[in-house]
Protein backbone atom coordinates (compact mmCIF):
# COMPACT_ATOMS: atom_id res chain seq x y z
CA MET A 1 -183.53 -82.43 -141.82
CA LEU A 2 -180.35 -83.68 -140.10
CA PHE A 3 -178.59 -84.28 -143.42
CA ILE A 4 -179.22 -80.79 -144.90
CA PRO A 5 -176.41 -79.01 -142.96
CA ILE A 6 -174.01 -81.86 -143.74
CA ALA A 7 -174.91 -81.78 -147.45
CA LEU A 8 -174.48 -77.99 -147.54
CA GLU A 9 -171.08 -78.29 -145.87
CA GLN A 10 -169.96 -80.93 -148.38
CA ASN A 11 -171.19 -78.71 -151.23
CA ARG A 12 -169.13 -75.80 -149.85
CA LYS A 13 -166.01 -78.00 -149.94
CA LEU A 14 -166.42 -78.79 -153.64
CA ASP A 15 -163.98 -76.97 -155.89
CA LYS A 16 -166.32 -75.28 -158.34
CA ARG A 17 -163.39 -73.81 -160.27
CA VAL A 18 -162.69 -77.17 -161.92
CA LEU A 19 -164.26 -78.28 -165.21
CA GLU A 20 -164.03 -81.91 -166.28
CA VAL A 21 -162.82 -82.16 -169.88
CA ASN A 22 -162.41 -85.36 -171.90
CA VAL A 23 -159.62 -85.23 -174.47
CA TRP A 24 -159.66 -87.30 -177.67
CA HIS A 25 -156.44 -89.02 -178.76
CA PRO A 26 -155.68 -90.71 -182.12
CA ASP A 27 -154.28 -93.80 -180.34
CA ARG A 28 -157.85 -94.58 -179.30
CA GLY A 29 -159.29 -93.79 -182.71
CA LYS A 30 -160.40 -97.39 -183.33
CA LEU A 31 -162.43 -97.57 -180.13
CA PHE A 32 -163.57 -93.96 -180.15
CA PRO A 33 -163.66 -92.63 -183.72
CA PHE A 34 -163.53 -88.87 -184.12
CA PRO A 35 -167.08 -87.62 -184.84
CA GLU A 36 -167.51 -86.60 -188.48
CA ARG A 37 -169.35 -83.30 -189.01
CA ASN A 38 -169.22 -80.21 -191.23
CA TYR A 39 -167.31 -78.13 -188.69
CA LYS A 40 -167.52 -74.35 -189.06
CA PRO A 41 -164.14 -72.85 -188.00
CA VAL A 42 -164.10 -70.11 -185.35
CA VAL A 43 -160.57 -68.70 -185.09
CA LEU A 44 -159.70 -67.09 -181.75
CA THR A 45 -156.66 -64.81 -181.38
CA ARG A 46 -155.36 -62.25 -178.87
CA ASP A 47 -157.93 -59.69 -180.02
CA ALA A 48 -160.46 -59.73 -177.12
CA GLU A 49 -163.20 -57.81 -178.94
CA GLN A 50 -163.00 -60.01 -182.04
CA ASN A 51 -163.01 -63.13 -179.85
CA LYS A 52 -166.06 -61.91 -177.92
CA ALA A 53 -168.05 -61.45 -181.15
CA ALA A 54 -166.84 -64.79 -182.58
CA ILE A 55 -167.76 -66.70 -179.39
CA ALA A 56 -171.22 -65.06 -179.23
CA SER A 57 -171.88 -65.99 -182.88
CA ALA A 58 -170.66 -69.56 -182.29
CA ARG A 59 -172.87 -69.91 -179.17
CA ALA A 60 -175.91 -68.83 -181.20
CA PHE A 61 -175.01 -71.40 -183.88
CA ILE A 62 -174.53 -74.17 -181.27
CA ASN A 63 -177.84 -73.36 -179.57
CA GLN A 64 -179.56 -73.48 -182.97
CA MET A 65 -177.88 -76.85 -183.65
CA TYR A 66 -179.28 -78.24 -180.41
CA THR A 67 -182.70 -76.70 -180.92
CA THR A 68 -183.12 -78.13 -184.43
CA GLY A 69 -181.44 -81.47 -183.62
CA ASP A 70 -178.75 -80.84 -186.25
CA GLY A 71 -176.47 -83.90 -186.44
CA VAL A 72 -174.59 -82.78 -189.58
CA ASN A 73 -172.88 -79.50 -188.63
CA GLY A 74 -170.58 -78.47 -185.82
CA ILE A 75 -168.26 -75.74 -184.56
CA ARG A 76 -164.48 -75.92 -184.36
CA TYR A 77 -162.91 -73.36 -182.03
CA ILE A 78 -159.30 -72.89 -183.20
CA PHE A 79 -157.05 -71.22 -180.62
CA GLN A 80 -154.42 -69.28 -182.58
CA ASP A 81 -152.29 -67.46 -180.05
CA ALA A 82 -155.39 -66.97 -177.87
CA SER A 83 -155.06 -66.45 -174.13
CA TYR A 84 -155.75 -69.10 -171.52
CA GLY A 85 -158.68 -66.97 -170.33
CA THR A 86 -160.27 -67.24 -173.79
CA TYR A 87 -159.88 -71.04 -173.68
CA VAL A 88 -161.51 -71.22 -170.24
CA SER A 89 -164.32 -68.84 -171.28
CA VAL A 90 -165.20 -71.16 -174.20
CA LEU A 91 -165.27 -74.19 -171.88
CA ASN A 92 -167.32 -72.20 -169.37
CA SER A 93 -169.85 -71.17 -172.04
CA LEU A 94 -170.26 -74.85 -173.01
CA LYS A 95 -170.88 -75.72 -169.36
CA VAL A 96 -173.36 -72.86 -168.88
CA ASP A 97 -175.28 -73.84 -172.04
CA SER A 98 -175.28 -77.55 -170.96
CA ILE A 99 -173.44 -78.64 -174.13
CA ALA A 100 -172.23 -82.14 -173.33
CA SER A 101 -170.86 -83.21 -176.73
CA PHE A 102 -167.54 -81.57 -177.41
CA VAL A 103 -164.07 -82.91 -178.11
CA VAL A 104 -160.78 -81.34 -177.06
CA TYR A 105 -157.84 -82.17 -179.33
CA GLU A 106 -154.62 -80.27 -179.96
CA ASN A 107 -155.35 -76.52 -180.25
CA SER A 108 -159.07 -76.94 -180.96
CA ILE A 109 -162.39 -77.64 -179.28
CA TRP A 110 -164.82 -79.40 -181.61
CA VAL A 111 -168.49 -78.89 -180.63
CA LEU A 112 -171.24 -81.09 -182.04
CA ASN A 113 -174.75 -82.28 -181.39
CA ARG A 114 -175.53 -85.93 -180.83
CA PRO A 115 -179.28 -86.29 -181.36
CA LYS A 116 -180.82 -88.81 -178.98
CA PRO A 117 -181.28 -92.18 -180.71
CA ALA A 118 -184.79 -93.54 -181.17
CA GLY A 119 -184.20 -96.82 -179.32
CA PRO A 120 -181.89 -97.95 -176.51
CA GLN A 121 -178.26 -97.53 -177.60
CA LEU A 122 -174.85 -98.19 -176.12
CA PHE A 123 -172.44 -95.51 -177.29
CA PHE A 124 -168.97 -94.40 -176.35
CA GLU A 125 -167.52 -91.00 -175.48
CA CYS A 126 -163.78 -90.82 -174.93
CA ASP A 127 -162.93 -92.98 -171.87
CA ILE A 128 -166.50 -93.18 -170.58
CA ILE A 129 -169.13 -95.72 -171.62
CA LEU A 130 -172.52 -94.06 -171.45
CA LEU A 131 -175.66 -96.16 -171.47
CA ASP A 132 -178.77 -94.39 -172.67
CA TYR A 133 -181.49 -95.46 -170.22
CA SER A 134 -184.59 -94.94 -172.30
CA ASP A 135 -188.03 -95.57 -170.83
CA VAL A 136 -188.04 -99.06 -172.34
CA ILE A 137 -184.81 -100.13 -170.63
CA TYR A 138 -185.74 -98.46 -167.34
CA SER A 139 -189.11 -100.20 -167.21
CA GLN A 140 -187.37 -103.59 -167.68
CA MET A 141 -185.00 -103.04 -164.76
CA SER A 142 -185.50 -104.80 -161.46
CA PHE A 143 -186.10 -102.71 -158.34
CA SER A 144 -182.50 -103.14 -157.16
CA GLU A 145 -181.15 -102.08 -160.60
CA LYS A 146 -183.33 -98.96 -160.54
CA MET A 147 -182.11 -98.11 -157.03
CA ASP A 148 -178.50 -98.68 -158.13
CA HIS A 149 -179.04 -96.43 -161.19
CA HIS A 150 -180.39 -93.58 -159.04
CA LEU A 151 -177.90 -93.90 -156.15
CA ALA A 152 -174.72 -94.37 -158.24
CA PRO A 153 -173.90 -90.62 -158.47
CA TYR A 154 -174.05 -90.26 -154.66
CA ARG A 155 -171.91 -93.29 -153.73
CA ALA A 156 -168.56 -91.49 -153.61
CA GLY A 157 -169.94 -88.72 -151.38
CA ALA A 158 -171.69 -91.19 -149.06
CA ALA A 159 -168.47 -93.19 -148.68
CA LYS A 160 -166.75 -90.05 -147.34
CA LEU A 161 -169.62 -89.39 -144.93
CA TRP A 162 -169.76 -92.83 -143.23
CA PRO A 163 -168.25 -91.61 -139.92
CA THR A 164 -170.86 -88.86 -139.75
CA LEU A 165 -173.64 -91.32 -140.56
CA VAL A 166 -172.46 -93.72 -137.83
CA LEU A 167 -172.33 -90.84 -135.34
CA LEU A 168 -175.86 -89.72 -136.28
CA GLY A 169 -177.07 -93.31 -135.88
CA LEU A 170 -175.56 -93.53 -132.39
CA ILE A 171 -177.09 -90.19 -131.40
CA ALA A 172 -180.50 -91.37 -132.62
CA ILE A 173 -180.21 -94.62 -130.62
CA LEU A 174 -179.16 -92.74 -127.45
CA ASN A 175 -182.06 -90.29 -127.87
CA LEU A 176 -184.52 -93.17 -128.25
CA LYS A 177 -183.13 -94.79 -125.08
CA GLN A 178 -183.47 -91.49 -123.21
CA ILE A 179 -187.08 -91.07 -124.38
CA LEU A 180 -187.95 -94.64 -123.36
CA ARG A 181 -186.36 -94.13 -119.93
CA LYS A 182 -188.40 -90.94 -119.36
CA LYS A 183 -191.61 -92.74 -120.34
CA THR A 184 -190.81 -95.63 -117.99
CA TYR A 185 -189.95 -93.19 -115.17
CA THR A 186 -193.18 -91.22 -115.78
CA LEU A 187 -195.26 -94.40 -115.86
CA THR A 188 -193.63 -95.64 -112.64
CA ASN A 189 -194.26 -92.31 -110.85
CA ASN A 190 -197.88 -92.17 -112.06
CA THR A 191 -198.50 -95.77 -110.93
CA SER A 192 -196.95 -95.27 -107.49
CA SER A 193 -198.91 -92.04 -106.89
CA THR A 194 -202.15 -93.79 -107.91
CA VAL A 195 -201.46 -96.67 -105.54
CA ARG A 196 -201.01 -94.31 -102.59
């Protein structure tokens, strides 16, 4: 209960206007090859109404790709003289639809589906190595590895909160001391009144 206000305060401080985007670069092509797909082009221009219809159609296609597990096709958003707002709205729609597999390169965003592999796999995405923790791997982990796996996302936030945690610990210790003193004082008073 003590941590809820602190967590809410930290959440308020987060800048929710920022989207993390990984960009592909040909210099890293050997380590991270560009994903091959049959990309359907979606050209976006300054025409807001045309862009709105094109983005809605592309979103429906992407959702169908993810629903059917399509690993052959993809969408390529091509920004031809499109506004920055159009670019951000495409990234935002990917975030809202929980589309994790997309590549930003030059004037395009390439959207694809990476169906989950059958067994445990180690695969690469841009600068991040992602390990697929399937049930088999997770069940083989030791207790400390499982704890590390679950706590890893919270480490950075906890490191920023250490002064608060130390202060809460001190307050808890002082409260315990106060409670113990009151019990001792009450016991002493009850004993002395009984003796009289």
